Amino acid sequence: MIIIVDSDGLIGTSHINDKHYSKATKLLQNLTDHGAELIYPATVISEATAVLQIRLNTPETADAIMEYTKAGLFNIEAVNNEVLISAISFLDKNRSKHATLFDGVVAAIAQKYKADAIFSFDKFYKTKGFKLASEL
């Protein structure tokens, strides 16, 4: 089972005060118990650490994610030009201000790997034909 992790899934499992923390940690445990392969787009690490550091004012959590990344604890997927071009195709001209290129990258990588689901709480992915990990 292949799961692509979005930044809200990563934040949800990392930041104890996040509104998704309880659900996200249970979901992560369930995915791990079932041997899911979790893939983290490189942009997810960047986006999540920026949100944690700037908006949520938890630089220690951002630092922990960066340390886990350096230690090789995340299966990181590089984002190249091909992925970016594919990502742009997922974004509509009249999209919600919350549907960003970061989301497009996650969708493009999910498509590339024919992922079983995306670990996210963002309904954007459902509108693009993907399952959320919570639906498995």
N, C-alpha and C. Protein backbone atom coordinates (compact mmCIF):
# COMPACT_ATOMS: atom_id res chain seq x y z
N MET A 1 0.85 -1.17 0.00
CA MET A 1 0.00 0.00 0.00
C MET A 1 0.90 1.24 0.00
N ILE A 2 0.65 2.14 -0.95
CA ILE A 2 1.45 3.36 -1.08
C ILE A 2 0.61 4.56 -0.66
N ILE A 3 1.15 5.35 0.25
CA ILE A 3 0.48 6.53 0.77
C ILE A 3 1.40 7.73 0.57
N ILE A 4 0.88 8.79 -0.01
CA ILE A 4 1.62 10.04 -0.14
C ILE A 4 1.20 10.94 1.01
N VAL A 5 2.17 11.48 1.72
CA VAL A 5 1.88 12.29 2.90
C VAL A 5 1.87 13.77 2.52
N ASP A 6 0.79 14.46 2.89
CA ASP A 6 0.67 15.90 2.68
C ASP A 6 1.13 16.62 3.94
N SER A 7 1.36 17.91 3.83
CA SER A 7 1.88 18.67 4.97
C SER A 7 0.92 18.67 6.16
N ASP A 8 -0.39 18.69 5.91
CA ASP A 8 -1.31 18.69 7.06
C ASP A 8 -1.29 17.34 7.78
N GLY A 9 -0.99 16.27 7.06
CA GLY A 9 -0.82 14.97 7.71
C GLY A 9 0.44 14.94 8.54
N LEU A 10 1.53 15.50 8.00
CA LEU A 10 2.79 15.54 8.74
C LEU A 10 2.66 16.44 9.97
N ILE A 11 2.05 17.60 9.80
CA ILE A 11 1.85 18.51 10.94
C ILE A 11 0.93 17.85 11.96
N GLY A 12 -0.12 17.20 11.48
CA GLY A 12 -1.07 16.55 12.38
C GLY A 12 -0.46 15.47 13.24
N THR A 13 0.57 14.81 12.73
CA THR A 13 1.23 13.77 13.53
C THR A 13 2.38 14.31 14.36
N SER A 14 2.75 15.55 14.13
CA SER A 14 3.93 16.12 14.79
C SER A 14 3.62 17.17 15.85
N HIS A 15 2.52 17.86 15.67
CA HIS A 15 2.20 19.01 16.54
C HIS A 15 1.02 18.65 17.44
N ILE A 16 1.30 18.44 18.72
CA ILE A 16 0.30 17.94 19.67
C ILE A 16 -0.93 18.84 19.78
N ASN A 17 -0.79 20.13 19.49
CA ASN A 17 -1.94 21.04 19.59
C ASN A 17 -2.70 21.18 18.28
N ASP A 18 -2.30 20.44 17.26
CA ASP A 18 -3.01 20.49 15.99
C ASP A 18 -4.39 19.86 16.14
N LYS A 19 -5.38 20.43 15.45
CA LYS A 19 -6.75 19.92 15.56
C LYS A 19 -6.89 18.48 15.06
N HIS A 20 -5.96 18.04 14.22
CA HIS A 20 -6.02 16.67 13.68
C HIS A 20 -5.11 15.70 14.43
N TYR A 21 -4.44 16.15 15.48
CA TYR A 21 -3.40 15.33 16.13
C TYR A 21 -3.89 13.94 16.52
N SER A 22 -4.99 13.85 17.23
CA SER A 22 -5.48 12.55 17.71
C SER A 22 -5.81 11.63 16.54
N LYS A 23 -6.58 12.15 15.59
CA LYS A 23 -6.96 11.35 14.43
C LYS A 23 -5.74 10.99 13.58
N ALA A 24 -4.85 11.96 13.40
CA ALA A 24 -3.67 11.74 12.56
C ALA A 24 -2.73 10.70 13.14
N THR A 25 -2.50 10.76 14.44
CA THR A 25 -1.59 9.78 15.06
C THR A 25 -2.17 8.37 15.03
N LYS A 26 -3.48 8.26 15.22
CA LYS A 26 -4.13 6.93 15.13
C LYS A 26 -4.05 6.41 13.70
N LEU A 27 -4.29 7.29 12.75
CA LEU A 27 -4.23 6.90 11.35
C LEU A 27 -2.82 6.48 10.96
N LEU A 28 -1.82 7.23 11.40
CA LEU A 28 -0.44 6.87 11.12
C LEU A 28 -0.10 5.50 11.71
N GLN A 29 -0.53 5.25 12.93
CA GLN A 29 -0.28 3.96 13.57
C GLN A 29 -0.94 2.83 12.78
N ASN A 30 -2.17 3.05 12.33
CA ASN A 30 -2.88 2.05 11.54
C ASN A 30 -2.16 1.78 10.22
N LEU A 31 -1.72 2.83 9.55
CA LEU A 31 -1.00 2.66 8.29
C LEU A 31 0.31 1.90 8.51
N THR A 32 1.01 2.25 9.57
CA THR A 32 2.27 1.58 9.90
C THR A 32 2.03 0.11 10.21
N ASP A 33 0.98 -0.17 10.99
CA ASP A 33 0.64 -1.55 11.34
C ASP A 33 0.33 -2.39 10.11
N HIS A 34 -0.19 -1.76 9.06
CA HIS A 34 -0.53 -2.47 7.83
C HIS A 34 0.59 -2.41 6.78
N GLY A 35 1.75 -1.95 7.19
CA GLY A 35 2.91 -1.98 6.30
C GLY A 35 2.88 -0.99 5.16
N ALA A 36 2.16 0.09 5.31
CA ALA A 36 2.07 1.09 4.25
C ALA A 36 3.43 1.72 3.98
N GLU A 37 3.69 1.98 2.71
CA GLU A 37 4.88 2.74 2.32
C GLU A 37 4.48 4.20 2.28
N LEU A 38 5.07 5.00 3.15
CA LEU A 38 4.76 6.43 3.21
C LEU A 38 5.81 7.20 2.42
N ILE A 39 5.34 8.00 1.47
CA ILE A 39 6.23 8.81 0.65
C ILE A 39 5.96 10.28 0.96
N TYR A 40 7.04 11.01 1.25
CA TYR A 40 6.96 12.42 1.60
C TYR A 40 7.57 13.25 0.47
N PRO A 41 6.76 13.97 -0.31
CA PRO A 41 7.36 14.87 -1.29
C PRO A 41 8.27 15.87 -0.59
N ALA A 42 9.39 16.22 -1.20
CA ALA A 42 10.33 17.16 -0.59
C ALA A 42 9.64 18.47 -0.23
N THR A 43 8.69 18.88 -1.04
CA THR A 43 7.99 20.14 -0.77
C THR A 43 7.13 20.06 0.49
N VAL A 44 6.68 18.87 0.85
CA VAL A 44 5.89 18.69 2.07
C VAL A 44 6.76 18.99 3.29
N ILE A 45 8.00 18.56 3.26
CA ILE A 45 8.91 18.85 4.37
C ILE A 45 9.10 20.36 4.49
N SER A 46 9.32 21.02 3.36
CA SER A 46 9.52 22.48 3.36
C SER A 46 8.28 23.21 3.84
N GLU A 47 7.12 22.85 3.31
CA GLU A 47 5.88 23.52 3.69
C GLU A 47 5.56 23.29 5.16
N ALA A 48 5.64 22.06 5.61
CA ALA A 48 5.29 21.74 7.00
C ALA A 48 6.21 22.45 7.99
N THR A 49 7.50 22.44 7.71
CA THR A 49 8.42 23.09 8.65
C THR A 49 8.21 24.60 8.66
N ALA A 50 7.88 25.19 7.52
CA ALA A 50 7.60 26.63 7.48
C ALA A 50 6.35 26.96 8.30
N VAL A 51 5.29 26.18 8.12
CA VAL A 51 4.05 26.41 8.87
C VAL A 51 4.30 26.24 10.37
N LEU A 52 5.00 25.20 10.74
CA LEU A 52 5.28 24.96 12.16
C LEU A 52 6.11 26.09 12.77
N GLN A 53 7.09 26.55 12.04
CA GLN A 53 7.98 27.58 12.56
C GLN A 53 7.33 28.96 12.57
N ILE A 54 6.67 29.34 11.48
CA ILE A 54 6.16 30.70 11.33
C ILE A 54 4.75 30.85 11.89
N ARG A 55 3.82 30.06 11.39
CA ARG A 55 2.42 30.24 11.77
C ARG A 55 2.09 29.64 13.14
N LEU A 56 2.65 28.48 13.44
CA LEU A 56 2.32 27.81 14.70
C LEU A 56 3.34 28.07 15.80
N ASN A 57 4.39 28.80 15.46
CA ASN A 57 5.41 29.22 16.43
C ASN A 57 5.97 28.05 17.25
N THR A 58 6.24 26.96 16.54
CA THR A 58 6.84 25.79 17.19
C THR A 58 8.11 25.38 16.43
N PRO A 59 9.14 26.22 16.51
CA PRO A 59 10.37 25.90 15.78
C PRO A 59 11.01 24.59 16.22
N GLU A 60 10.77 24.19 17.47
CA GLU A 60 11.35 22.92 17.93
C GLU A 60 10.74 21.73 17.18
N THR A 61 9.46 21.82 16.84
CA THR A 61 8.83 20.75 16.06
C THR A 61 9.35 20.76 14.63
N ALA A 62 9.50 21.95 14.06
CA ALA A 62 10.09 22.07 12.72
C ALA A 62 11.50 21.50 12.71
N ASP A 63 12.28 21.83 13.74
CA ASP A 63 13.65 21.31 13.84
C ASP A 63 13.67 19.79 13.93
N ALA A 64 12.73 19.22 14.68
CA ALA A 64 12.66 17.76 14.81
C ALA A 64 12.40 17.12 13.46
N ILE A 65 11.50 17.69 12.68
CA ILE A 65 11.21 17.15 11.34
C ILE A 65 12.46 17.24 10.46
N MET A 66 13.18 18.35 10.55
CA MET A 66 14.41 18.48 9.76
C MET A 66 15.46 17.46 10.20
N GLU A 67 15.55 17.21 11.49
CA GLU A 67 16.50 16.20 11.99
C GLU A 67 16.10 14.80 11.52
N TYR A 68 14.80 14.49 11.56
CA TYR A 68 14.33 13.19 11.07
C TYR A 68 14.65 13.04 9.58
N THR A 69 14.51 14.14 8.85
CA THR A 69 14.81 14.11 7.42
C THR A 69 16.29 13.84 7.20
N LYS A 70 17.14 14.55 7.92
CA LYS A 70 18.60 14.34 7.80
C LYS A 70 18.98 12.92 8.18
N ALA A 71 18.29 12.34 9.14
CA ALA A 71 18.59 10.98 9.60
C ALA A 71 18.05 9.91 8.66
N GLY A 72 17.31 10.32 7.63
CA GLY A 72 16.78 9.36 6.68
C GLY A 72 15.55 8.62 7.16
N LEU A 73 14.82 9.20 8.10
CA LEU A 73 13.63 8.53 8.64
C LEU A 73 12.39 8.69 7.77
N PHE A 74 12.45 9.60 6.81
CA PHE A 74 11.34 9.79 5.88
C PHE A 74 11.77 9.32 4.49
N ASN A 75 10.85 8.70 3.77
CA ASN A 75 11.07 8.31 2.39
C ASN A 75 10.73 9.54 1.54
N ILE A 76 11.76 10.30 1.15
CA ILE A 76 11.58 11.58 0.47
C ILE A 76 11.56 11.38 -1.04
N GLU A 77 10.59 12.01 -1.68
CA GLU A 77 10.50 12.01 -3.14
C GLU A 77 10.91 13.39 -3.65
N ALA A 78 11.92 13.42 -4.50
CA ALA A 78 12.38 14.68 -5.08
C ALA A 78 11.30 15.27 -5.99
N VAL A 79 11.35 16.56 -6.12
CA VAL A 79 10.40 17.26 -6.99
C VAL A 79 11.20 17.89 -8.13
N ASN A 80 11.04 17.31 -9.31
CA ASN A 80 11.76 17.82 -10.48
C ASN A 80 10.80 18.56 -11.41
N ASN A 81 11.31 18.99 -12.55
CA ASN A 81 10.51 19.76 -13.50
C ASN A 81 9.29 18.97 -13.98
N GLU A 82 9.47 17.69 -14.22
CA GLU A 82 8.36 16.84 -14.69
C GLU A 82 7.22 16.82 -13.66
N VAL A 83 7.58 16.67 -12.39
CA VAL A 83 6.58 16.68 -11.32
C VAL A 83 5.89 18.04 -11.24
N LEU A 84 6.67 19.12 -11.36
CA LEU A 84 6.08 20.47 -11.29
C LEU A 84 5.09 20.71 -12.43
N ILE A 85 5.43 20.29 -13.62
CA ILE A 85 4.52 20.47 -14.76
C ILE A 85 3.24 19.68 -14.54
N SER A 86 3.38 18.46 -14.06
CA SER A 86 2.20 17.65 -13.74
C SER A 86 1.39 18.31 -12.63
N ALA A 87 2.07 18.85 -11.63
CA ALA A 87 1.39 19.50 -10.49
C ALA A 87 0.54 20.67 -10.95
N ILE A 88 1.07 21.45 -11.85
CA ILE A 88 0.35 22.62 -12.35
C ILE A 88 -0.95 22.20 -13.02
N SER A 89 -0.94 21.05 -13.68
CA SER A 89 -2.15 20.58 -14.37
C SER A 89 -3.29 20.25 -13.41
N PHE A 90 -2.98 20.04 -12.13
CA PHE A 90 -4.03 19.76 -11.14
C PHE A 90 -4.70 21.02 -10.61
N LEU A 91 -4.15 22.17 -10.94
CA LEU A 91 -4.68 23.43 -10.40
C LEU A 91 -5.55 24.13 -11.43
N ASP A 92 -6.77 24.43 -11.05
CA ASP A 92 -7.71 25.15 -11.91
C ASP A 92 -7.45 26.65 -11.80
N LYS A 93 -7.78 27.38 -12.85
CA LYS A 93 -7.62 28.84 -12.82
C LYS A 93 -8.48 29.48 -11.73
N ASN A 94 -9.67 28.94 -11.50
CA ASN A 94 -10.60 29.51 -10.52
C ASN A 94 -10.59 28.70 -9.22
N ARG A 95 -9.43 28.26 -8.81
CA ARG A 95 -9.30 27.41 -7.63
C ARG A 95 -9.46 28.21 -6.34
N SER A 96 -9.72 27.48 -5.29
CA SER A 96 -9.74 28.06 -3.95
C SER A 96 -8.34 28.60 -3.64
N LYS A 97 -8.29 29.65 -2.83
CA LYS A 97 -6.98 30.19 -2.45
C LYS A 97 -6.18 29.18 -1.61
N HIS A 98 -6.84 28.16 -1.13
CA HIS A 98 -6.17 27.14 -0.32
C HIS A 98 -5.59 26.00 -1.17
N ALA A 99 -5.93 25.95 -2.44
CA ALA A 99 -5.39 24.93 -3.35
C ALA A 99 -4.12 25.51 -3.98
N THR A 100 -2.97 25.05 -3.50
CA THR A 100 -1.70 25.64 -3.92
C THR A 100 -0.88 24.66 -4.75
N LEU A 101 0.22 25.16 -5.25
CA LEU A 101 1.14 24.31 -6.00
C LEU A 101 1.68 23.18 -5.11
N PHE A 102 1.79 23.42 -3.81
CA PHE A 102 2.18 22.34 -2.89
C PHE A 102 1.20 21.17 -3.00
N ASP A 103 -0.10 21.47 -3.06
CA ASP A 103 -1.11 20.43 -3.19
C ASP A 103 -1.00 19.74 -4.55
N GLY A 104 -0.73 20.53 -5.58
CA GLY A 104 -0.54 19.96 -6.90
C GLY A 104 0.62 18.98 -6.95
N VAL A 105 1.69 19.30 -6.24
CA VAL A 105 2.86 18.40 -6.19
C VAL A 105 2.48 17.08 -5.53
N VAL A 106 1.76 17.15 -4.43
CA VAL A 106 1.32 15.92 -3.75
C VAL A 106 0.46 15.08 -4.70
N ALA A 107 -0.47 15.73 -5.39
CA ALA A 107 -1.33 15.02 -6.34
C ALA A 107 -0.52 14.40 -7.47
N ALA A 108 0.44 15.15 -8.00
CA ALA A 108 1.27 14.64 -9.10
C ALA A 108 2.08 13.41 -8.67
N ILE A 109 2.60 13.45 -7.47
CA ILE A 109 3.38 12.30 -6.97
C ILE A 109 2.45 11.12 -6.67
N ALA A 110 1.26 11.40 -6.18
CA ALA A 110 0.28 10.33 -5.96
C ALA A 110 -0.08 9.67 -7.29
N GLN A 111 -0.25 10.47 -8.32
CA GLN A 111 -0.55 9.94 -9.65
C GLN A 111 0.63 9.12 -10.18
N LYS A 112 1.83 9.64 -10.02
CA LYS A 112 3.04 8.97 -10.50
C LYS A 112 3.18 7.57 -9.89
N TYR A 113 2.90 7.46 -8.61
CA TYR A 113 3.06 6.18 -7.91
C TYR A 113 1.78 5.34 -7.89
N LYS A 114 0.71 5.87 -8.48
CA LYS A 114 -0.59 5.20 -8.42
C LYS A 114 -0.90 4.87 -6.95
N ALA A 115 -0.75 5.89 -6.12
CA ALA A 115 -0.91 5.74 -4.67
C ALA A 115 -2.30 5.26 -4.30
N ASP A 116 -2.36 4.49 -3.24
CA ASP A 116 -3.65 4.02 -2.73
C ASP A 116 -4.42 5.15 -2.07
N ALA A 117 -3.69 6.10 -1.51
CA ALA A 117 -4.36 7.23 -0.84
C ALA A 117 -3.34 8.32 -0.52
N ILE A 118 -3.88 9.45 -0.10
CA ILE A 118 -3.08 10.59 0.36
C ILE A 118 -3.39 10.81 1.83
N PHE A 119 -2.34 10.92 2.63
CA PHE A 119 -2.50 11.18 4.07
C PHE A 119 -2.68 12.68 4.23
N SER A 120 -3.94 13.09 4.22
CA SER A 120 -4.29 14.50 4.31
C SER A 120 -5.72 14.61 4.82
N PHE A 121 -6.05 15.79 5.28
CA PHE A 121 -7.42 16.09 5.69
C PHE A 121 -8.04 17.12 4.74
N ASP A 122 -7.37 17.36 3.63
CA ASP A 122 -7.74 18.37 2.65
C ASP A 122 -8.64 17.74 1.58
N LYS A 123 -9.83 18.27 1.42
CA LYS A 123 -10.79 17.72 0.46
C LYS A 123 -10.39 17.98 -1.00
N PHE A 124 -9.41 18.84 -1.22
CA PHE A 124 -8.92 19.12 -2.58
C PHE A 124 -8.62 17.82 -3.31
N TYR A 125 -8.00 16.89 -2.62
CA TYR A 125 -7.57 15.65 -3.27
C TYR A 125 -8.75 14.80 -3.73
N LYS A 126 -9.82 14.80 -2.97
CA LYS A 126 -11.01 14.05 -3.37
C LYS A 126 -11.59 14.63 -4.66
N THR A 127 -11.54 15.96 -4.80
CA THR A 127 -12.06 16.58 -6.02
C THR A 127 -11.23 16.22 -7.24
N LYS A 128 -10.02 15.74 -7.01
CA LYS A 128 -9.13 15.34 -8.10
C LYS A 128 -9.11 13.83 -8.30
N GLY A 129 -9.99 13.12 -7.59
CA GLY A 129 -10.14 11.69 -7.79
C GLY A 129 -9.29 10.80 -6.90
N PHE A 130 -8.66 11.36 -5.89
CA PHE A 130 -7.83 10.57 -4.98
C PHE A 130 -8.59 10.21 -3.72
N LYS A 131 -8.20 9.10 -3.11
CA LYS A 131 -8.73 8.72 -1.80
C LYS A 131 -7.87 9.34 -0.72
N LEU A 132 -8.51 9.65 0.39
CA LEU A 132 -7.76 10.07 1.57
C LEU A 132 -7.45 8.82 2.39
N ALA A 133 -6.35 8.85 3.11
CA ALA A 133 -5.94 7.69 3.91
C ALA A 133 -7.01 7.31 4.92
N SER A 134 -7.76 8.27 5.40
CA SER A 134 -8.82 7.99 6.38
C SER A 134 -9.96 7.16 5.78
N GLU A 135 -10.01 7.06 4.46
CA GLU A 135 -11.06 6.29 3.79
C GLU A 135 -10.67 4.82 3.58
N LEU A 136 -9.45 4.48 3.87
CA LEU A 136 -9.00 3.09 3.65
C LEU A 136 -9.52 2.16 4.73
